[in-house]
Amino acid sequence: PHYLSDWTDGFKRKRQVIPAVLFLYFACLAPAVSFGTIASEITNGSIGVVEFLLGSGMAGMMYSIFSGQPMAFLAPTGLTLAFTSGL
């Protein structure tokens, strides 16, 4: 079941939550930018940094809402890049 405290605790303990959110923001941003740049070169600009950022952001939001783990780390990996280059 979904407990209300899972969603409200983040607003009560700002001194713990804000550094964690900032860390995860930059931890997810760095691979998306680096793999997006490489994918842009491989696909001749069809898939680039913007698409990787949007994909990572939407996947992260959907995962956090439906899984009940809002602080999960989601990022593109080398396998994602290998699959994209194989297309």
Protein backbone atom coordinates (compact mmCIF):
# COMPACT_ATOMS: atom_id res chain seq x y z
CA PRO A 1 0.00 0.00 0.00
CA HIS A 2 0.97 3.61 -0.45
CA TYR A 3 1.66 5.33 2.83
CA LEU A 4 1.08 9.06 3.04
CA SER A 5 4.23 9.52 5.08
CA ASP A 6 6.34 8.28 2.14
CA TRP A 7 5.35 11.41 0.25
CA THR A 8 5.12 13.93 3.09
CA ASP A 9 8.41 13.16 4.91
CA GLY A 10 10.37 14.88 2.16
CA PHE A 11 8.68 18.17 2.91
CA LYS A 12 9.33 17.92 6.65
CA ARG A 13 13.09 17.20 6.55
CA LYS A 14 14.39 19.76 4.06
CA ARG A 15 17.95 19.70 5.42
CA GLN A 16 18.26 16.05 4.40
CA VAL A 17 16.21 16.09 1.22
CA ILE A 18 17.62 19.12 -0.62
CA PRO A 19 21.24 17.85 -0.77
CA ALA A 20 20.02 14.41 -1.88
CA VAL A 21 17.87 15.92 -4.62
CA LEU A 22 20.71 18.10 -5.88
CA PHE A 23 23.12 15.16 -5.87
CA LEU A 24 20.73 12.98 -7.84
CA TYR A 25 19.98 15.82 -10.26
CA PHE A 26 23.63 16.19 -11.19
CA ALA A 27 24.28 12.44 -11.04
CA CYS A 28 21.51 11.91 -13.62
CA LEU A 29 22.46 14.95 -15.67
CA ALA A 30 26.10 14.01 -16.33
CA PRO A 31 25.51 10.64 -18.06
CA ALA A 32 22.57 12.00 -20.05
CA VAL A 33 24.71 14.82 -21.43
CA SER A 34 27.74 12.64 -22.17
CA PHE A 35 25.79 9.79 -23.78
CA GLY A 36 23.56 12.29 -25.59
CA THR A 37 26.62 13.90 -27.14
CA ILE A 38 27.97 10.55 -28.29
CA ALA A 39 24.56 9.46 -29.59
CA SER A 40 24.26 12.70 -31.51
CA GLU A 41 27.47 11.91 -33.35
CA ILE A 42 26.50 8.28 -34.01
CA THR A 43 22.99 9.06 -35.27
CA ASN A 44 23.97 12.19 -37.22
CA GLY A 45 21.91 14.43 -34.94
CA SER A 46 18.71 12.34 -34.89
CA ILE A 47 19.03 11.60 -31.16
CA GLY A 48 20.97 14.04 -29.04
CA VAL A 49 21.38 15.59 -25.63
CA VAL A 50 17.86 17.03 -25.47
CA GLU A 51 16.26 13.66 -26.22
CA PHE A 52 18.40 11.91 -23.62
CA LEU A 53 17.53 14.56 -21.01
CA LEU A 54 13.83 14.34 -21.77
CA GLY A 55 13.91 10.54 -21.78
CA SER A 56 15.80 10.35 -18.50
CA GLY A 57 13.54 12.94 -16.90
CA MET A 58 10.28 11.32 -17.98
CA ALA A 59 11.48 7.82 -17.06
CA GLY A 60 12.62 9.06 -13.65
CA MET A 61 9.31 10.78 -12.92
CA MET A 62 7.23 7.81 -14.03
CA TYR A 63 9.40 5.40 -12.04
CA SER A 64 9.25 7.50 -8.90
CA ILE A 65 5.48 7.86 -9.05
CA PHE A 66 4.62 4.25 -9.85
CA SER A 67 7.32 2.43 -7.86
CA GLY A 68 7.08 4.41 -4.63
CA GLN A 69 10.83 5.11 -4.63
CA PRO A 70 11.17 8.79 -5.52
CA MET A 71 14.93 8.87 -4.86
CA ALA A 72 15.91 6.13 -7.31
CA PHE A 73 18.89 6.68 -9.61
CA LEU A 74 18.00 6.29 -13.29
CA ALA A 75 20.47 7.11 -16.01
CA PRO A 76 21.41 5.96 -19.48
CA THR A 77 24.18 3.41 -19.71
CA GLY A 78 26.64 2.16 -22.29
CA LEU A 79 24.17 -0.57 -23.25
CA THR A 80 21.63 2.10 -24.16
CA LEU A 81 24.21 3.72 -26.39
CA ALA A 82 25.19 0.40 -27.98
CA PHE A 83 21.53 -0.36 -28.74
CA THR A 84 21.01 3.10 -30.23
CA SER A 85 24.09 2.81 -32.42
CA GLY A 86 22.91 -0.62 -33.60
CA LEU A 87 19.68 0.86 -34.91
